[in-house]
PDB file of N, CA and C in Angstrom:
ATOM      1  N   THR A   1       7.007 -81.692  -1.898  1.00  0.00           N
ATOM      2  CA  THR A   1       6.124 -80.428  -1.826  1.00  0.00           C
ATOM      3  C   THR A   1       4.658 -80.842  -1.959  1.00  0.00           C
ATOM      4  N   VAL A   2       3.773 -80.210  -1.247  1.00  0.00           N
ATOM      5  CA  VAL A   2       2.400 -80.509  -1.272  1.00  0.00           C
ATOM      6  C   VAL A   2       1.694 -79.374  -1.893  1.00  0.00           C
ATOM      7  N   TYR A   3       1.038 -79.525  -2.983  1.00  0.00           N
ATOM      8  CA  TYR A   3       0.175 -78.396  -3.540  1.00  0.00           C
ATOM      9  C   TYR A   3      -1.262 -78.595  -3.277  1.00  0.00           C
ATOM     10  N   CYS A   4      -2.041 -77.687  -2.957  1.00  0.00           N
ATOM     11  CA  CYS A   4      -3.433 -77.877  -2.708  1.00  0.00           C
ATOM     12  C   CYS A   4      -4.184 -76.795  -3.542  1.00  0.00           C
ATOM     13  N   LEU A   5      -5.067 -77.438  -4.491  1.00  0.00           N
ATOM     14  CA  LEU A   5      -5.848 -76.626  -5.322  1.00  0.00           C
ATOM     15  C   LEU A   5      -7.270 -76.897  -5.037  1.00  0.00           C
ATOM     16  N   GLU A   6      -8.017 -75.799  -5.102  1.00  0.00           N
ATOM     17  CA  GLU A   6      -9.538 -75.816  -4.847  1.00  0.00           C
ATOM     18  C   GLU A   6     -10.248 -75.524  -6.037  1.00  0.00           C
ATOM     19  N   VAL A   7     -11.303 -76.283  -6.275  1.00  0.00           N
ATOM     20  CA  VAL A   7     -12.243 -76.025  -7.310  1.00  0.00           C
ATOM     21  C   VAL A   7     -13.568 -75.944  -6.670  1.00  0.00           C
ATOM     22  N   TRP A   8     -14.327 -74.758  -6.898  1.00  0.00           N
ATOM     23  CA  TRP A   8     -15.692 -74.629  -6.400  1.00  0.00           C
ATOM     24  C   TRP A   8     -16.593 -74.854  -7.538  1.00  0.00           C
ATOM     25  N   CYS A   9     -17.548 -75.706  -7.248  1.00  0.00           N
ATOM     26  CA  CYS A   9     -18.617 -76.023  -8.201  1.00  0.00           C
ATOM     27  C   CYS A   9     -19.826 -76.639  -7.536  1.00  0.00           C
ATOM     28  N   ASP A  10     -20.907 -76.651  -8.208  1.00  0.00           N
ATOM     29  CA  ASP A  10     -22.095 -77.281  -7.657  1.00  0.00           C
ATOM     30  C   ASP A  10     -22.121 -78.793  -7.998  1.00  0.00           C
ATOM     31  N   GLU A  11     -22.979 -79.515  -7.164  1.00  0.00           N
ATOM     32  CA  GLU A  11     -22.946 -80.995  -7.356  1.00  0.00           C
ATOM     33  C   GLU A  11     -23.478 -81.422  -8.699  1.00  0.00           C
ATOM     34  N   ASP A  12     -24.245 -80.563  -9.360  1.00  0.00           N
ATOM     35  CA  ASP A  12     -24.723 -80.912 -10.648  1.00  0.00           C
ATOM     36  C   ASP A  12     -23.850 -80.453 -11.723  1.00  0.00           C
ATOM     37  N   ASP A  13     -22.573 -79.937 -11.498  1.00  0.00           N
ATOM     38  CA  ASP A  13     -21.697 -79.484 -12.533  1.00  0.00           C
ATOM     39  C   ASP A  13     -20.925 -80.684 -13.047  1.00  0.00           C
ATOM     40  N   GLU A  14     -20.477 -80.661 -14.229  1.00  0.00           N
ATOM     41  CA  GLU A  14     -19.681 -81.618 -14.818  1.00  0.00           C
ATOM     42  C   GLU A  14     -18.382 -81.806 -14.051  1.00  0.00           C
ATOM     43  N   MET A  15     -17.785 -80.735 -13.543  1.00  0.00           N
ATOM     44  CA  MET A  15     -16.582 -80.791 -12.750  1.00  0.00           C
ATOM     45  C   MET A  15     -16.666 -81.652 -11.562  1.00  0.00           C
ATOM     46  N   TRP A  16     -17.847 -81.688 -10.979  1.00  0.00           N
ATOM     47  CA  TRP A  16     -18.134 -82.452  -9.763  1.00  0.00           C
ATOM     48  C   TRP A  16     -18.076 -83.896 -10.080  1.00  0.00           C
ATOM     49  N   ARG A  17     -18.500 -84.359 -11.309  1.00  0.00           N
ATOM     50  CA  ARG A  17     -18.484 -85.727 -11.686  1.00  0.00           C
ATOM     51  C   ARG A  17     -17.236 -86.153 -12.400  1.00  0.00           C
ATOM     52  N   THR A  18     -16.265 -85.303 -12.563  1.00  0.00           N
ATOM     53  CA  THR A  18     -15.047 -85.609 -13.175  1.00  0.00           C
ATOM     54  C   THR A  18     -14.186 -86.577 -12.209  1.00  0.00           C
ATOM     55  N   GLY A  19     -13.596 -87.632 -12.850  1.00  0.00           N
ATOM     56  CA  GLY A  19     -12.797 -88.500 -12.089  1.00  0.00           C
ATOM     57  C   GLY A  19     -11.631 -87.924 -11.283  1.00  0.00           C
ATOM     58  N   ASP A  20     -11.197 -88.644 -10.223  1.00  0.00           N
ATOM     59  CA  ASP A  20     -10.096 -88.051  -9.510  1.00  0.00           C
ATOM     60  C   ASP A  20      -8.846 -87.999 -10.326  1.00  0.00           C
ATOM     61  N   ALA A  21      -8.451 -88.968 -11.079  1.00  0.00           N
ATOM     62  CA  ALA A  21      -7.248 -88.930 -11.884  1.00  0.00           C
ATOM     63  C   ALA A  21      -7.276 -87.795 -12.956  1.00  0.00           C
ATOM     64  N   GLN A  22      -8.465 -87.456 -13.451  1.00  0.00           N
ATOM     65  CA  GLN A  22      -8.648 -86.470 -14.330  1.00  0.00           C
ATOM     66  C   GLN A  22      -8.465 -85.094 -13.708  1.00  0.00           C
ATOM     67  N   LEU A  23      -9.006 -84.940 -12.583  1.00  0.00           N
ATOM     68  CA  LEU A  23      -8.838 -83.774 -11.857  1.00  0.00           C
ATOM     69  C   LEU A  23      -7.382 -83.449 -11.488  1.00  0.00           C
ATOM     70  N   ALA A  24      -6.669 -84.585 -11.098  1.00  0.00           N
ATOM     71  CA  ALA A  24      -5.265 -84.470 -10.732  1.00  0.00           C
ATOM     72  C   ALA A  24      -4.431 -83.985 -12.054  1.00  0.00           C
ATOM     73  N   ALA A  25      -4.810 -84.581 -13.128  1.00  0.00           N
ATOM     74  CA  ALA A  25      -4.168 -84.216 -14.417  1.00  0.00           C
ATOM     75  C   ALA A  25      -4.388 -82.721 -14.666  1.00  0.00           C
ATOM     76  N   LEU A  26      -5.620 -82.254 -14.524  1.00  0.00           N
ATOM     77  CA  LEU A  26      -6.042 -80.823 -14.815  1.00  0.00           C
ATOM     78  C   LEU A  26      -5.093 -79.914 -13.883  1.00  0.00           C
ATOM     79  N   ALA A  27      -5.114 -80.281 -12.518  1.00  0.00           N
ATOM     80  CA  ALA A  27      -4.404 -79.474 -11.575  1.00  0.00           C
ATOM     81  C   ALA A  27      -2.866 -79.440 -12.018  1.00  0.00           C
ATOM     82  N   THR A  28      -2.271 -80.600 -12.476  1.00  0.00           N
ATOM     83  CA  THR A  28      -0.906 -80.611 -12.790  1.00  0.00           C
ATOM     84  C   THR A  28      -0.790 -79.733 -14.027  1.00  0.00           C
ATOM     85  N   GLU A  29      -1.645 -79.786 -15.082  1.00  0.00           N
ATOM     86  CA  GLU A  29      -1.556 -78.920 -16.230  1.00  0.00           C
ATOM     87  C   GLU A  29      -1.659 -77.433 -15.945  1.00  0.00           C
ATOM     88  N   GLU A  30      -2.467 -77.121 -14.944  1.00  0.00           N
ATOM     89  CA  GLU A  30      -2.591 -75.732 -14.547  1.00  0.00           C
ATOM     90  C   GLU A  30      -1.414 -75.211 -13.802  1.00  0.00           C
ATOM     91  N   LEU A  31      -0.801 -76.151 -12.880  1.00  0.00           N
ATOM     92  CA  LEU A  31       0.373 -75.588 -12.235  1.00  0.00           C
ATOM     93  C   LEU A  31       1.542 -75.447 -13.235  1.00  0.00           C
ATOM     94  N   ASN A  32       1.725 -76.407 -14.243  1.00  0.00           N
ATOM     95  CA  ASN A  32       2.743 -76.316 -15.215  1.00  0.00           C
ATOM     96  C   ASN A  32       2.511 -75.066 -16.104  1.00  0.00           C
ATOM     97  N   ARG A  33       1.331 -74.727 -16.471  1.00  0.00           N
ATOM     98  CA  ARG A  33       0.972 -73.588 -17.257  1.00  0.00           C
ATOM     99  C   ARG A  33       1.314 -72.268 -16.685  1.00  0.00           C
ATOM    100  N   THR A  34       1.291 -72.182 -15.339  1.00  0.00           N
ATOM    101  CA  THR A  34       1.574 -70.967 -14.694  1.00  0.00           C
ATOM    102  C   THR A  34       3.211 -70.734 -14.755  1.00  0.00           C
ATOM    103  N   GLY A  35       3.850 -71.700 -14.727  1.00  0.00           N
ATOM    104  CA  GLY A  35       5.388 -71.775 -14.727  1.00  0.00           C
ATOM    105  C   GLY A  35       5.910 -71.192 -13.353  1.00  0.00           C
ATOM    106  N   GLN A  36       5.051 -71.010 -12.360  1.00  0.00           N
ATOM    107  CA  GLN A  36       5.538 -70.427 -11.148  1.00  0.00           C
ATOM    108  C   GLN A  36       6.373 -71.467 -10.278  1.00  0.00           C
ATOM    109  N   PHE A  37       6.252 -72.796 -10.567  1.00  0.00           N
ATOM    110  CA  PHE A  37       6.865 -73.714  -9.672  1.00  0.00           C
ATOM    111  C   PHE A  37       7.891 -74.628 -10.500  1.00  0.00           C
ATOM    112  N   GLY A  38       8.192 -74.247 -11.712  1.00  0.00           N
ATOM    113  CA  GLY A  38       9.012 -74.979 -12.589  1.00  0.00           C
ATOM    114  C   GLY A  38       8.113 -76.142 -13.156  1.00  0.00           C
ATOM    115  N   HIS A  39       8.747 -77.198 -13.479  1.00  0.00           N
ATOM    116  CA  HIS A  39       7.966 -78.371 -14.017  1.00  0.00           C
ATOM    117  C   HIS A  39       7.447 -79.219 -12.836  1.00  0.00           C
ATOM    118  N   VAL A  40       6.171 -79.352 -12.707  1.00  0.00           N
ATOM    119  CA  VAL A  40       5.661 -80.174 -11.562  1.00  0.00           C
ATOM    120  C   VAL A  40       5.237 -81.605 -12.126  1.00  0.00           C
ATOM    121  N   THR A  41       5.617 -82.481 -11.272  1.00  0.00           N
ATOM    122  CA  THR A  41       5.418 -83.948 -11.507  1.00  0.00           C
ATOM    123  C   THR A  41       4.478 -84.361 -10.278  1.00  0.00           C
ATOM    124  N   VAL A  42       3.339 -84.852 -10.464  1.00  0.00           N
ATOM    125  CA  VAL A  42       2.460 -85.334  -9.517  1.00  0.00           C
ATOM    126  C   VAL A  42       2.623 -86.809  -9.201  1.00  0.00           C
ATOM    127  N   ASN A  43       3.080 -87.129  -7.986  1.00  0.00           N
ATOM    128  CA  ASN A  43       3.431 -88.583  -7.617  1.00  0.00           C
ATOM    129  C   ASN A  43       2.201 -89.260  -6.888  1.00  0.00           C
ATOM    130  N   ASP A  44       1.390 -88.361  -6.404  1.00  0.00           N
ATOM    131  CA  ASP A  44       0.194 -88.834  -5.685  1.00  0.00           C
ATOM    132  C   ASP A  44      -0.798 -87.875  -5.619  1.00  0.00           C
ATOM    133  N   HIS A  45      -2.165 -88.067  -5.423  1.00  0.00           N
ATOM    134  CA  HIS A  45      -3.096 -87.157  -5.338  1.00  0.00           C
ATOM    135  C   HIS A  45      -4.282 -87.474  -4.419  1.00  0.00           C
ATOM    136  N   HIS A  46      -4.990 -86.610  -3.900  1.00  0.00           N
ATOM    137  CA  HIS A  46      -6.127 -86.919  -3.126  1.00  0.00           C
ATOM    138  C   HIS A  46      -7.252 -85.838  -3.451  1.00  0.00           C
ATOM    139  N   VAL A  47      -8.414 -86.352  -3.815  1.00  0.00           N
ATOM    140  CA  VAL A  47      -9.546 -85.400  -4.101  1.00  0.00           C
ATOM    141  C   VAL A  47     -10.612 -85.491  -3.040  1.00  0.00           C
ATOM    142  N   GLU A  48     -10.951 -84.374  -2.453  1.00  0.00           N
ATOM    143  CA  GLU A  48     -11.997 -84.363  -1.427  1.00  0.00           C
ATOM    144  C   GLU A  48     -13.154 -83.555  -2.074  1.00  0.00           C
ATOM    145  N   ARG A  49     -14.391 -84.233  -2.112  1.00  0.00           N
ATOM    146  CA  ARG A  49     -15.501 -83.550  -2.495  1.00  0.00           C
ATOM    147  C   ARG A  49     -16.387 -83.250  -1.255  1.00  0.00           C
ATOM    148  N   VAL A  50     -16.735 -81.945  -1.109  1.00  0.00           N
ATOM    149  CA  VAL A  50     -17.598 -81.611   0.068  1.00  0.00           C
ATOM    150  C   VAL A  50     -18.810 -81.004  -0.473  1.00  0.00           C
ATOM    151  N   ALA A  51     -19.862 -81.729  -0.324  1.00  0.00           N
ATOM    152  CA  ALA A  51     -21.182 -81.250  -0.897  1.00  0.00           C
ATOM    153  C   ALA A  51     -21.773 -80.138  -0.167  1.00  0.00           C
ATOM    154  N   GLY A  52     -22.339 -79.167  -0.785  1.00  0.00           N
ATOM    155  CA  GLY A  52     -23.000 -78.029  -0.239  1.00  0.00           C
ATOM    156  C   GLY A  52     -22.128 -76.903   0.452  1.00  0.00           C
ATOM    157  N   SER A  53     -20.798 -77.009   0.130  1.00  0.00           N
ATOM    158  CA  SER A  53     -19.924 -76.033   0.691  1.00  0.00           C
ATOM    159  C   SER A  53     -19.659 -74.964  -0.242  1.00  0.00           C
ATOM    160  N   HIS A  54     -19.666 -73.820   0.217  1.00  0.00           N
ATOM    161  CA  HIS A  54     -19.416 -72.515  -0.621  1.00  0.00           C
ATOM    162  C   HIS A  54     -18.555 -71.646   0.345  1.00  0.00           C
ATOM    163  N   PRO A  55     -17.537 -70.897  -0.238  1.00  0.00           N
ATOM    164  CA  PRO A  55     -16.774 -70.050   0.604  1.00  0.00           C
ATOM    165  C   PRO A  55     -17.671 -68.933   1.114  1.00  0.00           C
ATOM    166  N   SER A  56     -17.539 -68.727   2.450  1.00  0.00           N
ATOM    167  CA  SER A  56     -18.283 -67.543   3.149  1.00  0.00           C
ATOM    168  C   SER A  56     -17.534 -67.107   4.284  1.00  0.00           C
ATOM    169  N   SER A  57     -17.827 -65.886   4.748  1.00  0.00           N
ATOM    170  CA  SER A  57     -17.145 -65.339   5.847  1.00  0.00           C
ATOM    171  C   SER A  57     -17.916 -65.901   7.084  1.00  0.00           C
ATOM    172  N   ALA A  58     -17.178 -65.930   8.156  1.00  0.00           N
ATOM    173  CA  ALA A  58     -17.809 -66.394   9.458  1.00  0.00           C
ATOM    174  C   ALA A  58     -18.769 -65.348   9.931  1.00  0.00           C
ATOM    175  N   LEU A  59     -19.647 -65.686  10.727  1.00  0.00           N
ATOM    176  CA  LEU A  59     -20.525 -64.732  11.309  1.00  0.00           C
ATOM    177  C   LEU A  59     -19.846 -63.714  12.153  1.00  0.00           C
ATOM    178  N   GLY A  60     -20.187 -62.586  11.948  1.00  0.00           N
ATOM    179  CA  GLY A  60     -19.460 -61.319  12.672  1.00  0.00           C
ATOM    180  C   GLY A  60     -18.272 -60.799  11.913  1.00  0.00           C
ATOM    181  N   THR A  61     -17.911 -61.425  10.791  1.00  0.00           N
ATOM    182  CA  THR A  61     -16.669 -60.921  10.068  1.00  0.00           C
ATOM    183  C   THR A  61     -16.854 -59.460   9.534  1.00  0.00           C
ATOM    184  N   ALA A  62     -18.109 -59.095   9.123  1.00  0.00           N
ATOM    185  CA  ALA A  62     -18.298 -57.777   8.628  1.00  0.00           C
ATOM    186  C   ALA A  62     -18.268 -56.811   9.672  1.00  0.00           C
ATOM    187  N   VAL A  63     -18.747 -57.050  10.963  1.00  0.00           N
ATOM    188  CA  VAL A  63     -18.612 -56.131  11.982  1.00  0.00           C
ATOM    189  C   VAL A  63     -17.233 -55.900  12.467  1.00  0.00           C
ATOM    190  N   ALA A  64     -16.450 -56.965  12.562  1.00  0.00           N
ATOM    191  CA  ALA A  64     -14.972 -56.916  12.975  1.00  0.00           C
ATOM    192  C   ALA A  64     -14.219 -56.161  11.895  1.00  0.00           C
ATOM    193  N   GLY A  65     -14.572 -56.437  10.620  1.00  0.00           N
ATOM    194  CA  GLY A  65     -13.885 -55.690   9.536  1.00  0.00           C
ATOM    195  C   GLY A  65     -14.226 -54.169   9.518  1.00  0.00           C
ATOM    196  N   ASP A  66     -15.477 -53.807   9.834  1.00  0.00           N
ATOM    197  CA  ASP A  66     -15.778 -52.448   9.956  1.00  0.00           C
ATOM    198  C   ASP A  66     -15.101 -51.762  11.098  1.00  0.00           C
ATOM    199  N   ALA A  67     -14.826 -52.413  12.156  1.00  0.00           N
ATOM    200  CA  ALA A  67     -14.122 -51.873  13.360  1.00  0.00           C
ATOM    201  C   ALA A  67     -12.703 -51.696  12.991  1.00  0.00           C
ATOM    202  N   ILE A  68     -12.159 -52.651  12.241  1.00  0.00           N
ATOM    203  CA  ILE A  68     -10.674 -52.476  11.829  1.00  0.00           C
ATOM    204  C   ILE A  68     -10.528 -51.369  10.879  1.00  0.00           C
ATOM    205  N   ASN A  69     -11.380 -51.270   9.994  1.00  0.00           N
ATOM    206  CA  ASN A  69     -11.267 -50.210   8.915  1.00  0.00           C
ATOM    207  C   ASN A  69     -11.489 -48.930   9.535  1.00  0.00           C
ATOM    208  N   ALA A  70     -12.351 -48.762  10.627  1.00  0.00           N
ATOM    209  CA  ALA A  70     -12.532 -47.493  11.273  1.00  0.00           C
ATOM    210  C   ALA A  70     -11.340 -46.969  11.869  1.00  0.00           C
ATOM    211  N   LYS A  71     -10.612 -47.939  12.540  1.00  0.00           N
ATOM    212  CA  LYS A  71      -9.399 -47.658  13.243  1.00  0.00           C
ATOM    213  C   LYS A  71      -8.173 -47.246  12.188  1.00  0.00           C
ATOM    214  N   LEU A  72      -8.246 -48.006  11.060  1.00  0.00           N
ATOM    215  CA  LEU A  72      -7.223 -47.646  10.031  1.00  0.00           C
ATOM    216  C   LEU A  72      -7.447 -46.311   9.449  1.00  0.00           C
ATOM    217  N   ALA A  73      -8.737 -45.877   9.301  1.00  0.00           N
ATOM    218  CA  ALA A  73      -9.039 -44.606   8.603  1.00  0.00           C
ATOM    219  C   ALA A  73      -8.606 -43.457   9.432  1.00  0.00           C
ATOM    220  N   GLN A  74      -8.266 -43.649  10.809  1.00  0.00           N
ATOM    221  CA  GLN A  74      -7.696 -42.644  11.613  1.00  0.00           C
ATOM    222  C   GLN A  74      -6.246 -42.443  11.582  1.00  0.00           C
ATOM    223  N   VAL A  75      -5.546 -43.404  10.815  1.00  0.00           N
ATOM    224  CA  VAL A  75      -4.098 -43.436  10.656  1.00  0.00           C
ATOM    225  C   VAL A  75      -3.775 -42.669   9.262  1.00  0.00           C
ATOM    226  N   GLU A  76      -3.156 -41.569   9.312  1.00  0.00           N
ATOM    227  CA  GLU A  76      -2.786 -40.781   8.088  1.00  0.00           C
ATOM    228  C   GLU A  76      -1.842 -41.696   7.206  1.00  0.00           C
ATOM    229  N   GLY A  77      -2.153 -41.651   5.946  1.00  0.00           N
ATOM    230  CA  GLY A  77      -1.253 -42.352   5.038  1.00  0.00           C
ATOM    231  C   GLY A  77      -1.674 -43.840   4.761  1.00  0.00           C
ATOM    232  N   ILE A  78      -2.647 -44.317   5.432  1.00  0.00           N
ATOM    233  CA  ILE A  78      -3.042 -45.683   5.150  1.00  0.00           C
ATOM    234  C   ILE A  78      -4.330 -45.665   4.370  1.00  0.00           C
ATOM    235  N   ILE A  79      -4.302 -46.537   3.347  1.00  0.00           N
ATOM    236  CA  ILE A  79      -5.508 -46.775   2.568  1.00  0.00           C
ATOM    237  C   ILE A  79      -5.840 -48.196   2.618  1.00  0.00           C
ATOM    238  N   SER A  80      -7.005 -48.531   3.124  1.00  0.00           N
ATOM    239  CA  SER A  80      -7.317 -49.943   3.281  1.00  0.00           C
ATOM    240  C   SER A  80      -8.140 -50.394   2.137  1.00  0.00           C
ATOM    241  N   VAL A  81      -7.627 -51.453   1.426  1.00  0.00           N
ATOM    242  CA  VAL A  81      -8.368 -52.063   0.253  1.00  0.00           C
ATOM    243  C   VAL A  81      -8.204 -53.534   0.459  1.00  0.00           C
ATOM    244  N   GLY A  82      -9.029 -54.302  -0.149  1.00  0.00           N
ATOM    245  CA  GLY A  82      -9.125 -55.680  -0.147  1.00  0.00           C
ATOM    246  C   GLY A  82     -10.195 -56.325  -0.994  1.00  0.00           C
ATOM    247  N   ARG A  83     -10.275 -57.582  -0.808  1.00  0.00           N
ATOM    248  CA  ARG A  83     -11.342 -58.333  -1.619  1.00  0.00           C
ATOM    249  C   ARG A  83     -12.358 -59.045  -0.831  1.00  0.00           C
ATOM    250  N   ALA A  84     -12.697 -58.318   0.334  1.00  0.00           N
ATOM    251  CA  ALA A  84     -13.763 -58.936   1.243  1.00  0.00           C
ATOM    252  C   ALA A  84     -13.470 -60.278   1.762  1.00  0.00           C
ATOM    253  N   GLY A  85     -12.284 -60.633   2.173  1.00  0.00           N
ATOM    254  CA  GLY A  85     -12.007 -61.779   2.769  1.00  0.00           C
ATOM    255  C   GLY A  85     -11.064 -62.679   1.985  1.00  0.00           C
ATOM    256  N   ALA A  86     -10.616 -63.704   2.603  1.00  0.00           N
ATOM    257  CA  ALA A  86      -9.629 -64.636   1.916  1.00  0.00           C
ATOM    258  C   ALA A  86     -10.376 -65.526   0.891  1.00  0.00           C
ATOM    259  N   HIS A  87     -11.666 -65.711   1.100  1.00  0.00           N
ATOM    260  CA  HIS A  87     -12.355 -66.481   0.143  1.00  0.00           C
ATOM    261  C   HIS A  87     -13.498 -65.541  -0.396  1.00  0.00           C
ATOM    262  N   SER A  88     -13.707 -65.611  -1.670  1.00  0.00           N
ATOM    263  CA  SER A  88     -14.792 -64.757  -2.319  1.00  0.00           C
ATOM    264  C   SER A  88     -15.554 -65.557  -3.277  1.00  0.00           C
ATOM    265  N   ILE A  89     -16.768 -65.348  -3.438  1.00  0.00           N
ATOM    266  CA  ILE A  89     -17.548 -66.047  -4.461  1.00  0.00           C
ATOM    267  C   ILE A  89     -17.832 -65.156  -5.610  1.00  0.00           C
ATOM    268  N   HIS A  90     -17.068 -63.991  -5.701  1.00  0.00           N
ATOM    269  CA  HIS A  90     -17.332 -63.074  -6.790  1.00  0.00           C
ATOM    270  C   HIS A  90     -16.821 -63.669  -8.079  1.00  0.00           C
ATOM    271  N   GLY A  91     -17.459 -63.329  -9.132  1.00  0.00           N
ATOM    272  CA  GLY A  91     -16.956 -63.732 -10.551  1.00  0.00           C
ATOM    273  C   GLY A  91     -15.811 -62.767 -10.925  1.00  0.00           C
ATOM    274  N   MET A  92     -15.241 -63.057 -12.086  1.00  0.00           N
ATOM    275  CA  MET A  92     -14.220 -62.192 -12.644  1.00  0.00           C
ATOM    276  C   MET A  92     -14.599 -60.711 -12.786  1.00  0.00           C
ATOM    277  N   ALA A  93     -15.866 -60.505 -13.171  1.00  0.00           N
ATOM    278  CA  ALA A  93     -16.294 -59.117 -13.387  1.00  0.00           C
ATOM    279  C   ALA A  93     -16.326 -58.340 -12.108  1.00  0.00           C
ATOM    280  N   GLU A  94     -16.860 -59.112 -10.993  1.00  0.00           N
ATOM    281  CA  GLU A  94     -16.963 -58.302  -9.690  1.00  0.00           C
ATOM    282  C   GLU A  94     -15.571 -58.182  -9.142  1.00  0.00           C
ATOM    283  N   SER A  95     -14.688 -59.076  -9.322  1.00  0.00           N
ATOM    284  CA  SER A  95     -13.282 -59.017  -8.839  1.00  0.00           C
ATOM    285  C   SER A  95     -12.622 -57.837  -9.518  1.00  0.00           C
ATOM    286  N   MET A  96     -12.719 -57.709 -10.769  1.00  0.00           N
ATOM    287  CA  MET A  96     -12.070 -56.625 -11.539  1.00  0.00           C
ATOM    288  C   MET A  96     -12.672 -55.256 -11.154  1.00  0.00           C
ATOM    289  N   ALA A  97     -13.962 -55.204 -10.852  1.00  0.00           N
ATOM    290  CA  ALA A  97     -14.544 -53.929 -10.426  1.00  0.00           C
ATOM    291  C   ALA A  97     -14.091 -53.519  -9.034  1.00  0.00           C
ATOM    292  N   ALA A  98     -13.877 -54.546  -8.149  1.00  0.00           N
ATOM    293  CA  ALA A  98     -13.297 -54.200  -6.874  1.00  0.00           C
ATOM    294  C   ALA A  98     -11.797 -53.814  -6.965  1.00  0.00           C
ATOM    295  N   ALA A  99     -11.111 -54.344  -7.929  1.00  0.00           N
ATOM    296  CA  ALA A  99      -9.669 -53.953  -8.101  1.00  0.00           C
ATOM    297  C   ALA A  99      -9.584 -52.482  -8.571  1.00  0.00           C
ATOM    298  N   LYS A 100     -10.520 -52.195  -9.559  1.00  0.00           N
ATOM    299  CA  LYS A 100     -10.533 -50.833 -10.085  1.00  0.00           C
ATOM    300  C   LYS A 100     -10.975 -49.861  -9.037  1.00  0.00           C
ATOM    301  N   MET A 101     -11.893 -50.163  -8.196  1.00  0.00           N
ATOM    302  CA  MET A 101     -12.349 -49.378  -7.057  1.00  0.00           C
ATOM    303  C   MET A 101     -11.103 -49.100  -6.229  1.00  0.00           C
ATOM    304  N   ALA A 102     -10.423 -50.131  -5.822  1.00  0.00           N
ATOM    305  CA  ALA A 102      -9.223 -49.936  -4.925  1.00  0.00           C
ATOM    306  C   ALA A 102      -8.189 -49.070  -5.507  1.00  0.00           C
ATOM    307  N   ALA A 103      -7.921 -49.219  -6.860  1.00  0.00           N
ATOM    308  CA  ALA A 103      -6.922 -48.422  -7.540  1.00  0.00           C
ATOM    309  C   ALA A 103      -7.452 -46.935  -7.492  1.00  0.00           C
ATOM    310  N   ASP A 104      -8.629 -46.726  -7.710  1.00  0.00           N
ATOM    311  CA  ASP A 104      -9.266 -45.330  -7.759  1.00  0.00           C
ATOM    312  C   ASP A 104      -9.130 -44.661  -6.421  1.00  0.00           C
ATOM    313  N   LEU A 105      -9.347 -45.392  -5.402  1.00  0.00           N
ATOM    314  CA  LEU A 105      -9.185 -44.968  -3.987  1.00  0.00           C
ATOM    315  C   LEU A 105      -7.728 -44.500  -3.791  1.00  0.00           C
ATOM    316  N   VAL A 106      -6.692 -45.328  -4.228  1.00  0.00           N
ATOM    317  CA  VAL A 106      -5.357 -44.971  -4.046  1.00  0.00           C
ATOM    318  C   VAL A 106      -5.036 -43.735  -4.795  1.00  0.00           C
ATOM    319  N   LEU A 107      -5.463 -43.630  -6.047  1.00  0.00           N
ATOM    320  CA  LEU A 107      -5.202 -42.560  -6.869  1.00  0.00           C
ATOM    321  C   LEU A 107      -5.763 -41.319  -6.340  1.00  0.00           C
ATOM    322  N   ALA A 108      -7.012 -41.414  -5.821  1.00  0.00           N
ATOM    323  CA  ALA A 108      -7.729 -40.202  -5.301  1.00  0.00           C
ATOM    324  C   ALA A 108      -7.056 -39.745  -4.001  1.00  0.00           C
ATOM    325  N   SER A 109      -6.365 -40.524  -3.387  1.00  0.00           N
ATOM    326  CA  SER A 109      -5.600 -40.141  -2.123  1.00  0.00           C
ATOM    327  C   SER A 109      -4.529 -39.049  -2.290  1.00  0.00           C
ATOM    328  N   GLY A 110      -4.034 -39.053  -3.521  1.00  0.00           N
ATOM    329  CA  GLY A 110      -2.986 -38.078  -3.912  1.00  0.00           C
ATOM    330  C   GLY A 110      -1.579 -38.467  -3.309  1.00  0.00           C
ATOM    331  N   GLN A 111      -1.445 -39.602  -2.797  1.00  0.00           N
ATOM    332  CA  GLN A 111      -0.171 -40.052  -2.149  1.00  0.00           C
ATOM    333  C   GLN A 111       0.847 -40.331  -3.215  1.00  0.00           C
ATOM    334  N   ASP A 112       2.080 -40.061  -3.041  1.00  0.00           N
ATOM    335  CA  ASP A 112       3.148 -40.409  -3.996  1.00  0.00           C
ATOM    336  C   ASP A 112       3.550 -41.921  -3.677  1.00  0.00           C
ATOM    337  N   LEU A 113       3.179 -42.733  -4.644  1.00  0.00           N
ATOM    338  CA  LEU A 113       3.468 -44.158  -4.483  1.00  0.00           C
ATOM    339  C   LEU A 113       4.661 -44.625  -5.420  1.00  0.00           C
ATOM    340  N   THR A 114       5.351 -43.772  -5.846  1.00  0.00           N
ATOM    341  CA  THR A 114       6.623 -44.069  -6.741  1.00  0.00           C
ATOM    342  C   THR A 114       7.722 -44.504  -5.951  1.00  0.00           C
ATOM    343  N   GLY A 115       7.884 -44.234  -4.647  1.00  0.00           N
ATOM    344  CA  GLY A 115       9.115 -44.590  -3.877  1.00  0.00           C
ATOM    345  C   GLY A 115       8.831 -45.432  -2.879  1.00  0.00           C
TER     346      GLY A 115
END
């Protein structure tokens, strides 16, 4: 089984300078801590550092998203919520605020979500 973990940091962060074996050990520890995959043993690892890369949406994503949301808004019973794309550079506070906003939208809709 191949596991891929991503760490986003700046080139001047300590994490950027951490050795490959240390990063593999950290990833193994985190996978085991979640318990989602049972006990994970890493037999091999590869670390790829890509300078200057940060998650971002492709050009035109917002326009396409607006068009999709406009169509979904026309369908009764659908509430569109999300976290602004598959990758987000939001911190925990922004992510939690977005989750609360999504929950508030669902509650405000008055839909019965128990069944």
